[in-house]
């Protein structure tokens, strides 16, 4: 007879690590964000984004035609600094 014992805490930790790894990979697939993605990533409305940081000179953005694009890596770095209070107003 074979008996199998599973350490639930270890299985949970492995699963969470795999999910985090997958999320990072998906996150890296986006080179640019559009306005809707920026709203989704920040959990802010467009008027709030404009009021809080959009017009800041260091916020990375580029308008192509009628649409705004934001480099994902640069925008992430800016937003993390902005949220931690390291911004210059």
C-alpha atoms as a PDB file:
ATOM      1  CA  UNK A   1       0.000   0.000   0.000  1.00  0.00           C
ATOM      2  CA  UNK A   2       1.236   3.481  -0.909  1.00  0.00           C
ATOM      3  CA  UNK A   3       0.612   6.444   1.315  1.00  0.00           C
ATOM      4  CA  UNK A   4       1.006  10.014   0.030  1.00  0.00           C
ATOM      5  CA  UNK A   5       1.442  12.947   2.371  1.00  0.00           C
ATOM      6  CA  UNK A   6       1.124  16.523   1.118  1.00  0.00           C
ATOM      7  CA  UNK A   7       2.416  19.565   2.919  1.00  0.00           C
ATOM      8  CA  UNK A   8      -0.419  22.013   2.174  1.00  0.00           C
ATOM      9  CA  UNK A   9       1.577  25.086   3.177  1.00  0.00           C
ATOM     10  CA  UNK A  10       4.388  24.157   0.797  1.00  0.00           C
ATOM     11  CA  UNK A  11       1.950  23.437  -2.052  1.00  0.00           C
ATOM     12  CA  UNK A  12       0.277  26.791  -1.452  1.00  0.00           C
ATOM     13  CA  UNK A  13       3.649  28.579  -1.464  1.00  0.00           C
ATOM     14  CA  UNK A  14       4.669  26.882  -4.723  1.00  0.00           C
ATOM     15  CA  UNK A  15       1.346  27.762  -6.342  1.00  0.00           C
ATOM     16  CA  UNK A  16       1.609  31.396  -5.273  1.00  0.00           C
ATOM     17  CA  UNK A  17       5.161  31.592  -6.613  1.00  0.00           C
ATOM     18  CA  UNK A  18       4.023  30.235  -9.984  1.00  0.00           C
ATOM     19  CA  UNK A  19       1.099  32.662 -10.153  1.00  0.00           C
ATOM     20  CA  UNK A  20       3.395  35.588  -9.322  1.00  0.00           C
ATOM     21  CA  UNK A  21       5.880  34.431 -11.966  1.00  0.00           C
ATOM     22  CA  UNK A  22       3.107  34.240 -14.554  1.00  0.00           C
ATOM     23  CA  UNK A  23       1.770  37.692 -13.629  1.00  0.00           C
ATOM     24  CA  UNK A  24       5.231  39.213 -14.012  1.00  0.00           C
ATOM     25  CA  UNK A  25       5.563  37.611 -17.423  1.00  0.00           C
ATOM     26  CA  UNK A  26       2.173  38.945 -18.531  1.00  0.00           C
ATOM     27  CA  UNK A  27       3.056  42.355 -17.119  1.00  0.00           C
ATOM     28  CA  UNK A  28       6.248  42.446 -19.177  1.00  0.00           C
ATOM     29  CA  UNK A  29       4.354  41.713 -22.390  1.00  0.00           C
ATOM     30  CA  UNK A  30       2.929  45.235 -22.465  1.00  0.00           C
ATOM     31  CA  UNK A  31       5.436  47.721 -23.825  1.00  0.00           C
ATOM     32  CA  UNK A  32       2.986  50.626 -23.755  1.00  0.00           C
ATOM     33  CA  UNK A  33      -0.178  51.403 -21.845  1.00  0.00           C
ATOM     34  CA  UNK A  34      -3.044  53.348 -23.310  1.00  0.00           C
ATOM     35  CA  UNK A  35      -5.358  55.605 -21.303  1.00  0.00           C
ATOM     36  CA  UNK A  36      -7.680  52.747 -20.312  1.00  0.00           C
ATOM     37  CA  UNK A  37      -4.768  50.600 -19.142  1.00  0.00           C
ATOM     38  CA  UNK A  38      -3.371  53.509 -17.112  1.00  0.00           C
ATOM     39  CA  UNK A  39      -6.764  53.955 -15.472  1.00  0.00           C
ATOM     40  CA  UNK A  40      -6.930  50.229 -14.729  1.00  0.00           C
ATOM     41  CA  UNK A  41      -3.377  50.052 -13.361  1.00  0.00           C
ATOM     42  CA  UNK A  42      -3.815  53.050 -11.061  1.00  0.00           C
ATOM     43  CA  UNK A  43      -7.465  52.403 -10.110  1.00  0.00           C
ATOM     44  CA  UNK A  44      -8.093  56.075 -10.870  1.00  0.00           C
ATOM     45  CA  UNK A  45     -10.471  57.872 -13.176  1.00  0.00           C
ATOM     46  CA  UNK A  46      -9.130  59.946 -16.057  1.00  0.00           C
ATOM     47  CA  UNK A  47     -10.003  63.274 -14.344  1.00  0.00           C
ATOM     48  CA  UNK A  48      -8.177  62.147 -11.176  1.00  0.00           C
ATOM     49  CA  UNK A  49      -5.110  61.075 -13.167  1.00  0.00           C
ATOM     50  CA  UNK A  50      -5.045  64.461 -14.890  1.00  0.00           C
ATOM     51  CA  UNK A  51      -5.458  66.294 -11.592  1.00  0.00           C
ATOM     52  CA  UNK A  52      -2.836  64.298  -9.682  1.00  0.00           C
ATOM     53  CA  UNK A  53       0.097  63.582 -12.011  1.00  0.00           C
ATOM     54  CA  UNK A  54      -0.662  63.601 -15.754  1.00  0.00           C
ATOM     55  CA  UNK A  55       0.659  67.119 -16.330  1.00  0.00           C
ATOM     56  CA  UNK A  56       3.783  66.589 -14.219  1.00  0.00           C
ATOM     57  CA  UNK A  57       6.824  67.259 -16.415  1.00  0.00           C
ATOM     58  CA  UNK A  58       8.460  63.943 -15.449  1.00  0.00           C
ATOM     59  CA  UNK A  59       5.424  61.767 -16.197  1.00  0.00           C
ATOM     60  CA  UNK A  60       6.277  59.765 -19.358  1.00  0.00           C
ATOM     61  CA  UNK A  61       3.673  60.157 -22.085  1.00  0.00           C
ATOM     62  CA  UNK A  62       3.374  60.519 -25.815  1.00  0.00           C
ATOM     63  CA  UNK A  63       0.380  61.448 -27.927  1.00  0.00           C
ATOM     64  CA  UNK A  64       0.084  59.570 -31.214  1.00  0.00           C
ATOM     65  CA  UNK A  65      -2.783  60.944 -33.251  1.00  0.00           C
ATOM     66  CA  UNK A  66      -5.637  61.379 -30.810  1.00  0.00           C
ATOM     67  CA  UNK A  67      -4.446  58.670 -28.403  1.00  0.00           C
ATOM     68  CA  UNK A  68      -2.098  58.875 -25.428  1.00  0.00           C
ATOM     69  CA  UNK A  69       0.530  56.170 -24.845  1.00  0.00           C
ATOM     70  CA  UNK A  70       2.645  55.595 -21.756  1.00  0.00           C
ATOM     71  CA  UNK A  71       5.846  53.478 -21.695  1.00  0.00           C
ATOM     72  CA  UNK A  72       4.961  50.738 -19.195  1.00  0.00           C
ATOM     73  CA  UNK A  73       8.309  50.503 -17.350  1.00  0.00           C
ATOM     74  CA  UNK A  74       8.856  54.264 -17.102  1.00  0.00           C
ATOM     75  CA  UNK A  75       5.260  54.904 -16.061  1.00  0.00           C
ATOM     76  CA  UNK A  76       5.505  52.226 -13.376  1.00  0.00           C
ATOM     77  CA  UNK A  77       8.686  53.757 -11.953  1.00  0.00           C
ATOM     78  CA  UNK A  78       7.176  57.243 -11.994  1.00  0.00           C
ATOM     79  CA  UNK A  79       3.980  56.085 -10.303  1.00  0.00           C
ATOM     80  CA  UNK A  80       5.816  54.222  -7.547  1.00  0.00           C
ATOM     81  CA  UNK A  81       7.938  57.312  -6.839  1.00  0.00           C
ATOM     82  CA  UNK A  82       4.892  59.559  -7.036  1.00  0.00           C
ATOM     83  CA  UNK A  83       2.930  57.423  -4.608  1.00  0.00           C
ATOM     84  CA  UNK A  84       5.791  57.219  -2.120  1.00  0.00           C
ATOM     85  CA  UNK A  85       5.972  61.014  -2.027  1.00  0.00           C
ATOM     86  CA  UNK A  86       9.250  61.381  -3.881  1.00  0.00           C
ATOM     87  CA  UNK A  87       7.667  63.562  -6.511  1.00  0.00           C
ATOM     88  CA  UNK A  88       8.529  67.130  -7.299  1.00  0.00           C
ATOM     89  CA  UNK A  89       5.452  69.351  -7.647  1.00  0.00           C
END
